[in-house]
């Protein structure tokens, strides 16, 4: 059976070779005879520079104009600078040197009738209570419950104003970092 299969394959391969050569010669002659028709590239037009006449007009990239539009043309609000001044005049706490996204709440406990959150940073555990400061945006803990630590941060908006925003650290159940 194997011998008959081999002989059949050798006969078939012998039959196809001359036609293949003829086909290759025809393909080569066709390639040599075909010349693509490419239109010539037109000459480029003459460049005429234009004078800028907007020197005395309003600069569209003026930062002062952008800030005034973002502020609503009313200048800095007196409360925004007072927000940050109080924070700059107090002593920083150790957890303020870490970004908030590197912290995770891993639990809570009650000490002297007050709920205390357990916050993990760089494989160290810290006890955090209401009034403590966390993160690099002047975050002050407002409230703690079994599921999260809610804090108020002071950040700059697009116009450079200091504003308050609320953030939270959620309880992380499986922290293996």
C-alpha atoms as a PDB file:
ATOM      1  CA  UNK A   1       0.000   0.000   0.000  1.00  0.00           C
ATOM      2  CA  UNK A   2       2.768   2.397   0.978  1.00  0.00           C
ATOM      3  CA  UNK A   3       4.759   1.516  -2.123  1.00  0.00           C
ATOM      4  CA  UNK A   4       1.807   2.207  -4.426  1.00  0.00           C
ATOM      5  CA  UNK A   5       1.190   5.569  -2.742  1.00  0.00           C
ATOM      6  CA  UNK A   6       4.820   6.616  -3.208  1.00  0.00           C
ATOM      7  CA  UNK A   7       4.821   5.629  -6.873  1.00  0.00           C
ATOM      8  CA  UNK A   8       1.595   7.571  -7.462  1.00  0.00           C
ATOM      9  CA  UNK A   9       3.075  10.698  -5.875  1.00  0.00           C
ATOM     10  CA  UNK A  10       6.255  10.473  -7.958  1.00  0.00           C
ATOM     11  CA  UNK A  11       4.226  10.161 -11.192  1.00  0.00           C
ATOM     12  CA  UNK A  12       2.092  13.179 -10.302  1.00  0.00           C
ATOM     13  CA  UNK A  13       5.102  15.306  -9.454  1.00  0.00           C
ATOM     14  CA  UNK A  14       6.742  14.415 -12.752  1.00  0.00           C
ATOM     15  CA  UNK A  15       3.664  15.432 -14.734  1.00  0.00           C
ATOM     16  CA  UNK A  16       3.389  18.936 -13.348  1.00  0.00           C
ATOM     17  CA  UNK A  17       6.955  20.209 -13.745  1.00  0.00           C
ATOM     18  CA  UNK A  18       7.025  21.299 -17.460  1.00  0.00           C
ATOM     19  CA  UNK A  19       3.740  23.197 -17.167  1.00  0.00           C
ATOM     20  CA  UNK A  20       5.073  24.966 -14.093  1.00  0.00           C
ATOM     21  CA  UNK A  21       8.186  26.129 -15.969  1.00  0.00           C
ATOM     22  CA  UNK A  22       6.116  27.375 -18.863  1.00  0.00           C
ATOM     23  CA  UNK A  23       3.878  29.291 -16.452  1.00  0.00           C
ATOM     24  CA  UNK A  24       6.902  30.890 -14.749  1.00  0.00           C
ATOM     25  CA  UNK A  25       8.341  32.016 -18.120  1.00  0.00           C
ATOM     26  CA  UNK A  26       5.011  33.547 -19.147  1.00  0.00           C
ATOM     27  CA  UNK A  27       4.759  35.405 -15.781  1.00  0.00           C
ATOM     28  CA  UNK A  28       8.283  36.786 -16.216  1.00  0.00           C
ATOM     29  CA  UNK A  29       7.606  37.990 -19.764  1.00  0.00           C
ATOM     30  CA  UNK A  30       4.387  39.708 -18.623  1.00  0.00           C
ATOM     31  CA  UNK A  31       6.224  41.452 -15.778  1.00  0.00           C
ATOM     32  CA  UNK A  32       8.843  42.734 -18.211  1.00  0.00           C
ATOM     33  CA  UNK A  33       6.298  43.983 -20.753  1.00  0.00           C
ATOM     34  CA  UNK A  34       4.024  45.913 -18.367  1.00  0.00           C
ATOM     35  CA  UNK A  35       5.058  49.505 -17.689  1.00  0.00           C
ATOM     36  CA  UNK A  36       2.950  51.465 -15.180  1.00  0.00           C
ATOM     37  CA  UNK A  37       1.512  54.786 -16.287  1.00  0.00           C
ATOM     38  CA  UNK A  38       2.344  57.442 -13.656  1.00  0.00           C
ATOM     39  CA  UNK A  39       1.216  61.018 -14.136  1.00  0.00           C
ATOM     40  CA  UNK A  40       3.935  63.592 -13.542  1.00  0.00           C
ATOM     41  CA  UNK A  41       3.770  65.537 -10.286  1.00  0.00           C
ATOM     42  CA  UNK A  42       2.532  69.100 -10.845  1.00  0.00           C
ATOM     43  CA  UNK A  43       4.823  71.970  -9.956  1.00  0.00           C
ATOM     44  CA  UNK A  44       4.141  73.373  -6.480  1.00  0.00           C
ATOM     45  CA  UNK A  45       2.589  76.815  -6.303  1.00  0.00           C
ATOM     46  CA  UNK A  46       4.660  79.803  -5.260  1.00  0.00           C
ATOM     47  CA  UNK A  47       4.564  80.430  -1.491  1.00  0.00           C
ATOM     48  CA  UNK A  48       3.408  83.911  -0.570  1.00  0.00           C
ATOM     49  CA  UNK A  49       3.926  84.708   3.129  1.00  0.00           C
ATOM     50  CA  UNK A  50       1.151  86.588   4.931  1.00  0.00           C
ATOM     51  CA  UNK A  51       1.784  89.340   7.436  1.00  0.00           C
ATOM     52  CA  UNK A  52       0.372  88.832  10.951  1.00  0.00           C
ATOM     53  CA  UNK A  53      -1.852  91.790  11.738  1.00  0.00           C
ATOM     54  CA  UNK A  54      -3.132  90.702  15.161  1.00  0.00           C
ATOM     55  CA  UNK A  55      -0.326  92.196  17.249  1.00  0.00           C
ATOM     56  CA  UNK A  56      -2.595  94.859  18.733  1.00  0.00           C
ATOM     57  CA  UNK A  57      -5.467  92.436  19.334  1.00  0.00           C
ATOM     58  CA  UNK A  58      -6.130  90.197  22.335  1.00  0.00           C
ATOM     59  CA  UNK A  59      -3.704  87.293  22.663  1.00  0.00           C
ATOM     60  CA  UNK A  60      -5.757  84.063  22.469  1.00  0.00           C
ATOM     61  CA  UNK A  61      -3.203  82.298  24.671  1.00  0.00           C
ATOM     62  CA  UNK A  62      -3.197  84.878  27.474  1.00  0.00           C
ATOM     63  CA  UNK A  63      -3.219  83.088  30.850  1.00  0.00           C
ATOM     64  CA  UNK A  64      -4.693  86.068  32.686  1.00  0.00           C
ATOM     65  CA  UNK A  65      -7.723  86.057  30.411  1.00  0.00           C
ATOM     66  CA  UNK A  66      -8.231  82.323  30.922  1.00  0.00           C
ATOM     67  CA  UNK A  67      -8.013  82.654  34.701  1.00  0.00           C
ATOM     68  CA  UNK A  68     -10.461  85.558  34.757  1.00  0.00           C
ATOM     69  CA  UNK A  69     -12.960  83.577  32.669  1.00  0.00           C
ATOM     70  CA  UNK A  70     -12.609  80.514  34.889  1.00  0.00           C
ATOM     71  CA  UNK A  71     -13.078  82.602  38.017  1.00  0.00           C
ATOM     72  CA  UNK A  72     -16.100  84.299  36.540  1.00  0.00           C
ATOM     73  CA  UNK A  73     -14.321  87.682  36.385  1.00  0.00           C
ATOM     74  CA  UNK A  74     -14.609  88.173  40.124  1.00  0.00           C
ATOM     75  CA  UNK A  75     -11.027  87.633  41.292  1.00  0.00           C
ATOM     76  CA  UNK A  76      -9.904  85.239  44.012  1.00  0.00           C
ATOM     77  CA  UNK A  77     -12.501  84.513  46.636  1.00  0.00           C
ATOM     78  CA  UNK A  78     -11.471  85.522  50.154  1.00  0.00           C
ATOM     79  CA  UNK A  79     -12.411  82.127  51.562  1.00  0.00           C
ATOM     80  CA  UNK A  80     -10.105  80.169  49.263  1.00  0.00           C
ATOM     81  CA  UNK A  81      -6.873  81.583  50.643  1.00  0.00           C
ATOM     82  CA  UNK A  82      -8.156  81.248  54.212  1.00  0.00           C
ATOM     83  CA  UNK A  83      -8.685  77.526  53.596  1.00  0.00           C
ATOM     84  CA  UNK A  84      -5.035  76.897  52.848  1.00  0.00           C
ATOM     85  CA  UNK A  85      -3.539  79.403  55.308  1.00  0.00           C
ATOM     86  CA  UNK A  86      -4.847  77.491  58.309  1.00  0.00           C
ATOM     87  CA  UNK A  87      -3.389  74.267  56.899  1.00  0.00           C
ATOM     88  CA  UNK A  88       0.031  75.788  56.238  1.00  0.00           C
ATOM     89  CA  UNK A  89       0.355  77.112  59.801  1.00  0.00           C
ATOM     90  CA  UNK A  90      -0.137  73.777  61.570  1.00  0.00           C
ATOM     91  CA  UNK A  91       2.308  70.947  62.202  1.00  0.00           C
ATOM     92  CA  UNK A  92       2.125  68.079  59.684  1.00  0.00           C
ATOM     93  CA  UNK A  93       1.223  64.560  60.797  1.00  0.00           C
ATOM     94  CA  UNK A  94       3.151  61.456  59.634  1.00  0.00           C
ATOM     95  CA  UNK A  95       0.432  60.133  57.300  1.00  0.00           C
ATOM     96  CA  UNK A  96       0.447  63.388  55.303  1.00  0.00           C
ATOM     97  CA  UNK A  97       3.677  62.361  53.606  1.00  0.00           C
ATOM     98  CA  UNK A  98       1.920  59.517  51.751  1.00  0.00           C
ATOM     99  CA  UNK A  99      -0.487  59.864  48.802  1.00  0.00           C
ATOM    100  CA  UNK A 100      -4.040  58.841  49.629  1.00  0.00           C
ATOM    101  CA  UNK A 101      -4.074  56.148  46.933  1.00  0.00           C
ATOM    102  CA  UNK A 102      -1.263  54.239  48.698  1.00  0.00           C
ATOM    103  CA  UNK A 103      -3.387  53.876  51.835  1.00  0.00           C
ATOM    104  CA  UNK A 104      -6.025  51.276  52.537  1.00  0.00           C
ATOM    105  CA  UNK A 105      -8.457  50.882  55.394  1.00  0.00           C
ATOM    106  CA  UNK A 106      -8.153  47.345  56.747  1.00  0.00           C
ATOM    107  CA  UNK A 107     -10.409  47.525  59.787  1.00  0.00           C
ATOM    108  CA  UNK A 108     -11.736  49.513  62.713  1.00  0.00           C
ATOM    109  CA  UNK A 109     -11.911  49.231  66.485  1.00  0.00           C
ATOM    110  CA  UNK A 110     -13.379  51.144  69.390  1.00  0.00           C
ATOM    111  CA  UNK A 111     -11.015  52.819  71.857  1.00  0.00           C
ATOM    112  CA  UNK A 112     -12.423  54.725  74.804  1.00  0.00           C
ATOM    113  CA  UNK A 113     -15.833  54.841  73.162  1.00  0.00           C
ATOM    114  CA  UNK A 114     -14.474  56.354  69.936  1.00  0.00           C
ATOM    115  CA  UNK A 115     -14.279  54.492  66.607  1.00  0.00           C
ATOM    116  CA  UNK A 116     -10.699  54.281  65.304  1.00  0.00           C
ATOM    117  CA  UNK A 117      -9.817  53.191  61.742  1.00  0.00           C
ATOM    118  CA  UNK A 118      -6.864  50.936  60.993  1.00  0.00           C
ATOM    119  CA  UNK A 119      -5.061  52.247  57.912  1.00  0.00           C
ATOM    120  CA  UNK A 120      -2.301  50.287  56.192  1.00  0.00           C
ATOM    121  CA  UNK A 121       0.536  52.128  54.431  1.00  0.00           C
ATOM    122  CA  UNK A 122       3.710  50.401  53.191  1.00  0.00           C
ATOM    123  CA  UNK A 123       2.922  47.265  55.253  1.00  0.00           C
ATOM    124  CA  UNK A 124       2.652  49.359  58.443  1.00  0.00           C
ATOM    125  CA  UNK A 125      -0.591  49.745  60.375  1.00  0.00           C
ATOM    126  CA  UNK A 126      -1.704  53.148  61.708  1.00  0.00           C
ATOM    127  CA  UNK A 127      -4.589  54.096  63.978  1.00  0.00           C
ATOM    128  CA  UNK A 128      -6.576  57.022  62.606  1.00  0.00           C
ATOM    129  CA  UNK A 129      -9.277  58.923  64.483  1.00  0.00           C
ATOM    130  CA  UNK A 130     -11.614  61.785  63.609  1.00  0.00           C
ATOM    131  CA  UNK A 131      -9.581  64.973  63.214  1.00  0.00           C
ATOM    132  CA  UNK A 132      -6.408  63.201  62.014  1.00  0.00           C
ATOM    133  CA  UNK A 133      -4.793  64.267  58.747  1.00  0.00           C
ATOM    134  CA  UNK A 134      -4.137  61.903  55.810  1.00  0.00           C
ATOM    135  CA  UNK A 135      -2.675  62.269  52.326  1.00  0.00           C
ATOM    136  CA  UNK A 136      -0.813  65.013  50.545  1.00  0.00           C
ATOM    137  CA  UNK A 137      -3.862  67.224  49.906  1.00  0.00           C
ATOM    138  CA  UNK A 138      -4.418  68.390  53.490  1.00  0.00           C
ATOM    139  CA  UNK A 139      -6.985  65.628  54.071  1.00  0.00           C
ATOM    140  CA  UNK A 140      -8.725  65.853  57.469  1.00  0.00           C
ATOM    141  CA  UNK A 141     -10.793  62.908  58.732  1.00  0.00           C
ATOM    142  CA  UNK A 142     -14.432  63.973  59.152  1.00  0.00           C
ATOM    143  CA  UNK A 143     -16.025  60.682  60.174  1.00  0.00           C
ATOM    144  CA  UNK A 144     -15.255  56.998  60.544  1.00  0.00           C
ATOM    145  CA  UNK A 145     -17.583  54.023  60.335  1.00  0.00           C
ATOM    146  CA  UNK A 146     -17.016  50.285  59.934  1.00  0.00           C
ATOM    147  CA  UNK A 147     -16.892  50.531  56.126  1.00  0.00           C
ATOM    148  CA  UNK A 148     -15.005  53.751  55.351  1.00  0.00           C
ATOM    149  CA  UNK A 149     -13.045  56.794  56.455  1.00  0.00           C
ATOM    150  CA  UNK A 150     -14.478  60.038  55.046  1.00  0.00           C
ATOM    151  CA  UNK A 151     -12.143  63.012  54.778  1.00  0.00           C
ATOM    152  CA  UNK A 152     -12.106  66.553  53.461  1.00  0.00           C
ATOM    153  CA  UNK A 153      -9.213  67.514  51.177  1.00  0.00           C
ATOM    154  CA  UNK A 154      -8.142  70.972  50.033  1.00  0.00           C
ATOM    155  CA  UNK A 155      -7.017  71.062  46.396  1.00  0.00           C
ATOM    156  CA  UNK A 156      -6.509  73.665  43.682  1.00  0.00           C
ATOM    157  CA  UNK A 157      -8.986  73.862  40.833  1.00  0.00           C
ATOM    158  CA  UNK A 158      -8.142  74.799  37.231  1.00  0.00           C
ATOM    159  CA  UNK A 159      -8.208  78.516  38.045  1.00  0.00           C
ATOM    160  CA  UNK A 160      -5.812  78.143  40.981  1.00  0.00           C
ATOM    161  CA  UNK A 161      -8.507  78.532  43.639  1.00  0.00           C
ATOM    162  CA  UNK A 162      -8.311  76.398  46.767  1.00  0.00           C
ATOM    163  CA  UNK A 163     -11.467  74.317  47.110  1.00  0.00           C
ATOM    164  CA  UNK A 164     -12.680  71.555  49.409  1.00  0.00           C
ATOM    165  CA  UNK A 165     -13.520  68.096  48.141  1.00  0.00           C
ATOM    166  CA  UNK A 166     -14.663  64.977  49.950  1.00  0.00           C
ATOM    167  CA  UNK A 167     -12.745  61.708  49.617  1.00  0.00           C
ATOM    168  CA  UNK A 168     -13.085  58.330  51.257  1.00  0.00           C
ATOM    169  CA  UNK A 169     -10.981  55.295  52.072  1.00  0.00           C
ATOM    170  CA  UNK A 170     -13.110  52.174  51.673  1.00  0.00           C
ATOM    171  CA  UNK A 171     -12.617  49.046  53.772  1.00  0.00           C
ATOM    172  CA  UNK A 172     -10.357  46.580  51.943  1.00  0.00           C
ATOM    173  CA  UNK A 173     -11.086  43.034  53.034  1.00  0.00           C
ATOM    174  CA  UNK A 174      -8.222  41.131  51.388  1.00  0.00           C
ATOM    175  CA  UNK A 175      -5.110  43.306  51.517  1.00  0.00           C
ATOM    176  CA  UNK A 176      -2.082  41.104  50.977  1.00  0.00           C
ATOM    177  CA  UNK A 177       0.364  43.864  50.029  1.00  0.00           C
END
